[in-house]
Amino acid sequence: MVLDLMLIALAITIYPLPLMAFALVVSSARGVWKGLVFVLAWLACLVAVIAAVLALTDGQPPPPRSPPGVAGPAAKLAIGIGLVFYGLHRRRLMRAPGDARSDAAEAAHGRKGRDGPSGEAAADRGEGSLWASAGLAVLVQPWGMVAAGATTVLEANAAQPATFMALFGFCLLASASLLAAELYIVFAPEVAQARLLRLRTWLTDHAEQAIVVLCLALGLWLTGKSLYQLTS
């Protein structure tokens, strides 16, 4: 369980789209506070998912051959296959000629959102901007990967203290890039904002490749691991 959680958390923390959105949030007025709200909302989502799973299982992993014990690996298998197909779909869009590729890149990078009433644009407006930052954090969560983490938490045994350390490590690692960026903003706001915007520009040109690699790698791992659990 621990290895799966750490791999999923690593994929979440280096997934490019949340960091791109965060860079825009902290570059606006009251960026430090908006960034803090963004990170707290992000963490709240992870904690809520883990708490819901533990409440569902009562903190005990289901017996291996019971229907609930089979449902967890089966759900993980479905998520893994879904991530593989999603990665292949994004790869196909990258290689598509003409307008289809351009439109796909725009949607992935959020360029259209800057011109319309998207979450990123809403983060720069009025008194509701802090709420908009929180909402944006929820929207840009890679929910497929978070769902994979939830299926892994089904195996958690709340009676063991090491389990809570693993779950805490999952939340911390999954948020590590955002936490590091927020701390950078706090201690060096002007320099951090400029560098984060440059990072966002770089990610805009490389986000598609990163998404494809992450989805394929994690999807193949989850597929193989769940097949092993179901057949062993």
Protein backbone atom coordinates (compact mmCIF):
# COMPACT_ATOMS: atom_id res chain seq x y z
CA MET A 1 0.00 0.00 0.00
CA VAL A 2 2.72 2.47 0.98
CA LEU A 3 4.60 2.17 -2.32
CA ASP A 4 1.41 2.67 -4.33
CA LEU A 5 0.45 5.71 -2.26
CA MET A 6 3.86 7.32 -2.68
CA LEU A 7 3.92 6.73 -6.44
CA ILE A 8 0.43 8.18 -6.82
CA ALA A 9 1.36 11.17 -4.63
CA LEU A 10 4.50 11.77 -6.71
CA ALA A 11 2.45 11.76 -9.92
CA ILE A 12 -0.02 14.21 -8.37
CA THR A 13 2.64 16.64 -7.15
CA ILE A 14 4.44 16.84 -10.52
CA TYR A 15 1.22 16.99 -12.55
CA PRO A 16 1.68 20.33 -14.34
CA LEU A 17 -1.80 21.85 -14.53
CA PRO A 18 -2.29 22.60 -10.79
CA LEU A 19 1.07 24.35 -10.57
CA MET A 20 0.25 26.40 -13.66
CA ALA A 21 -3.03 27.50 -12.08
CA PHE A 22 -1.29 28.23 -8.78
CA ALA A 23 1.25 30.46 -10.54
CA LEU A 24 -1.57 32.62 -11.89
CA VAL A 25 -3.30 32.78 -8.52
CA VAL A 26 -0.25 34.02 -6.62
CA SER A 27 0.69 36.51 -9.31
CA SER A 28 -2.50 38.52 -8.67
CA ALA A 29 -3.33 40.95 -5.88
CA ARG A 30 -3.15 39.36 -2.40
CA GLY A 31 -1.33 36.51 -4.04
CA VAL A 32 0.11 35.14 -0.78
CA TRP A 33 -3.35 34.76 0.77
CA LYS A 34 -4.88 33.38 -2.40
CA GLY A 35 -2.04 30.89 -2.65
CA LEU A 36 -2.58 29.84 0.97
CA VAL A 37 -6.31 29.32 0.36
CA PHE A 38 -5.50 27.36 -2.79
CA VAL A 39 -3.14 25.04 -0.88
CA LEU A 40 -5.56 24.60 2.03
CA ALA A 41 -8.43 23.73 -0.32
CA TRP A 42 -6.16 21.30 -2.16
CA LEU A 43 -5.20 19.59 1.11
CA ALA A 44 -8.81 19.58 2.29
CA CYS A 45 -9.81 17.59 -0.81
CA LEU A 46 -7.15 14.96 -0.13
CA VAL A 47 -8.04 14.70 3.55
CA ALA A 48 -11.77 14.49 2.78
CA VAL A 49 -11.22 11.64 0.32
CA ILE A 50 -9.07 9.70 2.79
CA ALA A 51 -11.53 10.31 5.64
CA ALA A 52 -14.45 9.14 3.49
CA VAL A 53 -12.65 5.91 2.57
CA LEU A 54 -11.66 5.18 6.18
CA ALA A 55 -15.23 5.84 7.29
CA LEU A 56 -16.49 3.48 4.59
CA THR A 57 -14.15 0.65 5.64
CA ASP A 58 -14.30 1.46 9.37
CA GLY A 59 -10.50 1.60 9.26
CA GLN A 60 -10.13 -2.10 8.47
CA PRO A 61 -9.01 -3.60 5.15
CA PRO A 62 -11.60 -5.97 3.68
CA PRO A 63 -10.82 -9.71 3.52
CA PRO A 64 -8.87 -10.49 0.31
CA ARG A 65 -11.46 -12.73 -1.39
CA SER A 66 -14.59 -10.98 -0.15
CA PRO A 67 -16.67 -8.84 -2.56
CA PRO A 68 -15.32 -5.58 -1.00
CA GLY A 69 -11.79 -7.02 -1.15
CA VAL A 70 -12.19 -7.70 -4.87
CA ALA A 71 -13.94 -4.39 -5.56
CA GLY A 72 -10.90 -2.33 -4.52
CA PRO A 73 -8.39 -3.91 -6.98
CA ALA A 74 -11.10 -3.99 -9.65
CA ALA A 75 -11.69 -0.25 -9.24
CA LYS A 76 -7.94 0.34 -9.31
CA LEU A 77 -7.72 -1.72 -12.51
CA ALA A 78 -10.43 0.39 -14.12
CA ILE A 79 -8.67 3.60 -13.10
CA GLY A 80 -5.34 2.31 -14.38
CA ILE A 81 -6.80 1.37 -17.74
CA GLY A 82 -8.57 4.73 -17.87
CA LEU A 83 -5.31 6.59 -17.24
CA VAL A 84 -3.57 4.58 -19.98
CA PHE A 85 -6.30 5.38 -22.50
CA TYR A 86 -6.34 9.02 -21.42
CA GLY A 87 -2.57 9.24 -21.88
CA LEU A 88 -2.84 7.67 -25.33
CA HIS A 89 -5.66 10.07 -26.19
CA ARG A 90 -3.57 13.09 -25.16
CA ARG A 91 -0.62 11.71 -27.13
CA ARG A 92 -2.80 11.36 -30.21
CA LEU A 93 -3.97 14.96 -29.81
CA MET A 94 -0.34 16.10 -29.56
CA ARG A 95 0.41 14.47 -32.89
CA ALA A 96 -2.80 15.69 -34.56
CA PRO A 97 -2.16 18.25 -37.32
CA GLY A 98 -3.67 21.68 -37.69
CA ASP A 99 -6.47 23.16 -35.66
CA ALA A 100 -7.26 20.02 -33.64
CA ARG A 101 -3.82 20.06 -32.07
CA SER A 102 -3.94 23.78 -31.47
CA ASP A 103 -7.35 23.58 -29.79
CA ALA A 104 -6.25 20.66 -27.62
CA ALA A 105 -3.14 22.51 -26.53
CA GLU A 106 -5.15 25.62 -25.71
CA ALA A 107 -7.61 23.67 -23.59
CA ALA A 108 -4.83 21.85 -21.72
CA HIS A 109 -2.78 24.94 -21.03
CA GLY A 110 -5.69 27.11 -19.94
CA ARG A 111 -5.05 29.84 -22.51
CA LYS A 112 -8.74 30.18 -23.28
CA GLY A 113 -9.49 30.56 -19.59
CA ARG A 114 -7.50 33.75 -19.43
CA ASP A 115 -9.96 35.42 -21.82
CA GLY A 116 -13.19 34.18 -20.26
CA PRO A 117 -14.92 33.78 -16.89
CA SER A 118 -12.90 30.71 -15.83
CA GLY A 119 -11.72 29.82 -12.35
CA GLU A 120 -8.32 31.35 -13.06
CA ALA A 121 -9.84 34.62 -14.19
CA ALA A 122 -12.28 34.60 -11.29
CA ALA A 123 -9.36 34.34 -8.88
CA ASP A 124 -8.42 37.91 -9.79
CA ARG A 125 -11.80 39.49 -9.07
CA GLY A 126 -13.14 41.31 -6.02
CA GLU A 127 -14.08 39.99 -2.61
CA GLY A 128 -14.88 36.54 -3.96
CA SER A 129 -11.32 35.99 -5.13
CA LEU A 130 -10.32 33.87 -2.13
CA TRP A 131 -13.32 31.61 -2.69
CA ALA A 132 -12.43 31.46 -6.37
CA SER A 133 -8.91 30.33 -5.45
CA ALA A 134 -10.37 27.56 -3.29
CA GLY A 135 -12.72 26.50 -6.07
CA LEU A 136 -9.92 26.50 -8.60
CA ALA A 137 -7.87 24.20 -6.36
CA VAL A 138 -10.76 21.74 -6.36
CA LEU A 139 -11.23 21.96 -10.13
CA VAL A 140 -7.59 21.36 -11.06
CA GLN A 141 -7.14 18.33 -8.81
CA PRO A 142 -6.12 15.35 -10.99
CA TRP A 143 -9.17 13.45 -9.78
CA GLY A 144 -8.32 10.26 -11.61
CA MET A 145 -5.08 10.01 -9.65
CA VAL A 146 -6.82 11.00 -6.42
CA ALA A 147 -9.35 8.22 -7.06
CA ALA A 148 -6.46 5.80 -7.50
CA GLY A 149 -5.19 6.92 -4.12
CA ALA A 150 -8.65 6.32 -2.64
CA THR A 151 -8.73 2.73 -3.90
CA THR A 152 -5.33 2.20 -2.32
CA VAL A 153 -6.51 3.60 1.03
CA LEU A 154 -9.12 0.82 1.04
CA GLU A 155 -6.23 -1.42 2.11
CA ALA A 156 -5.36 0.79 5.10
CA ASN A 157 -5.48 -0.59 8.63
CA ALA A 158 -6.26 2.27 10.99
CA ALA A 159 -5.20 0.16 13.98
CA GLN A 160 -1.55 0.53 12.94
CA PRO A 161 0.19 3.88 13.66
CA ALA A 162 2.32 3.39 10.54
CA THR A 163 -0.85 3.68 8.46
CA PHE A 164 -1.44 7.26 9.56
CA MET A 165 2.19 8.09 8.83
CA ALA A 166 1.74 6.71 5.31
CA LEU A 167 -1.47 8.69 4.81
CA PHE A 168 0.16 11.86 6.13
CA GLY A 169 3.11 11.25 3.80
CA PHE A 170 0.72 10.83 0.89
CA CYS A 171 -0.96 14.18 1.56
CA LEU A 172 2.38 15.91 2.11
CA LEU A 173 4.04 14.53 -1.01
CA ALA A 174 0.96 15.12 -3.18
CA SER A 175 1.04 18.78 -2.09
CA ALA A 176 4.81 19.22 -1.97
CA SER A 177 5.20 21.33 -5.12
CA LEU A 178 2.40 23.70 -4.08
CA LEU A 179 3.66 23.95 -0.49
CA ALA A 180 7.18 24.74 -1.72
CA ALA A 181 5.85 27.39 -4.11
CA GLU A 182 3.72 28.98 -1.36
CA LEU A 183 6.67 29.15 1.04
CA TYR A 184 8.77 30.70 -1.72
CA ILE A 185 6.08 33.33 -2.24
CA VAL A 186 5.95 34.09 1.49
CA PHE A 187 9.69 34.66 1.89
CA ALA A 188 10.55 36.19 -1.50
CA PRO A 189 7.29 37.38 -3.09
CA GLU A 190 8.58 39.47 -5.99
CA VAL A 191 11.26 37.04 -7.10
CA ALA A 192 8.98 34.05 -6.60
CA GLN A 193 6.13 35.53 -8.61
CA ALA A 194 8.41 36.27 -11.57
CA ARG A 195 9.96 32.81 -11.47
CA LEU A 196 6.65 31.04 -11.09
CA LEU A 197 5.29 32.87 -14.11
CA ARG A 198 8.39 31.87 -16.09
CA LEU A 199 7.87 28.31 -14.89
CA ARG A 200 4.26 28.47 -16.06
CA THR A 201 5.40 29.62 -19.49
CA TRP A 202 7.81 26.70 -19.67
CA LEU A 203 5.14 24.26 -18.48
CA THR A 204 2.76 25.60 -21.12
CA ASP A 205 5.14 24.28 -23.76
CA HIS A 206 5.78 20.95 -22.04
CA ALA A 207 2.57 20.17 -20.14
CA GLU A 208 1.18 17.81 -22.75
CA GLN A 209 4.31 15.64 -22.78
CA ALA A 210 4.34 15.50 -18.99
CA ILE A 211 0.65 14.56 -18.80
CA VAL A 212 1.11 11.76 -21.33
CA VAL A 213 4.13 10.31 -19.53
CA LEU A 214 2.55 10.55 -16.07
CA CYS A 215 -0.77 9.02 -17.13
CA LEU A 216 0.85 6.18 -19.06
CA ALA A 217 3.41 5.37 -16.36
CA LEU A 218 0.97 5.48 -13.45
CA GLY A 219 -1.78 3.79 -15.44
CA LEU A 220 0.46 0.88 -16.42
CA TRP A 221 1.68 0.49 -12.83
CA LEU A 222 -1.86 0.47 -11.42
CA THR A 223 -3.06 -1.94 -14.11
CA GLY A 224 -0.23 -4.38 -13.48
CA LYS A 225 -0.51 -4.17 -9.70
CA SER A 226 -4.28 -4.64 -9.65
CA LEU A 227 -4.10 -7.59 -12.06
CA TYR A 228 -1.57 -9.21 -9.76
CA GLN A 229 -3.83 -8.64 -6.75
CA LEU A 230 -6.85 -10.05 -8.56
CA THR A 231 -5.12 -13.16 -9.86
CA SER A 232 -2.80 -14.06 -6.96
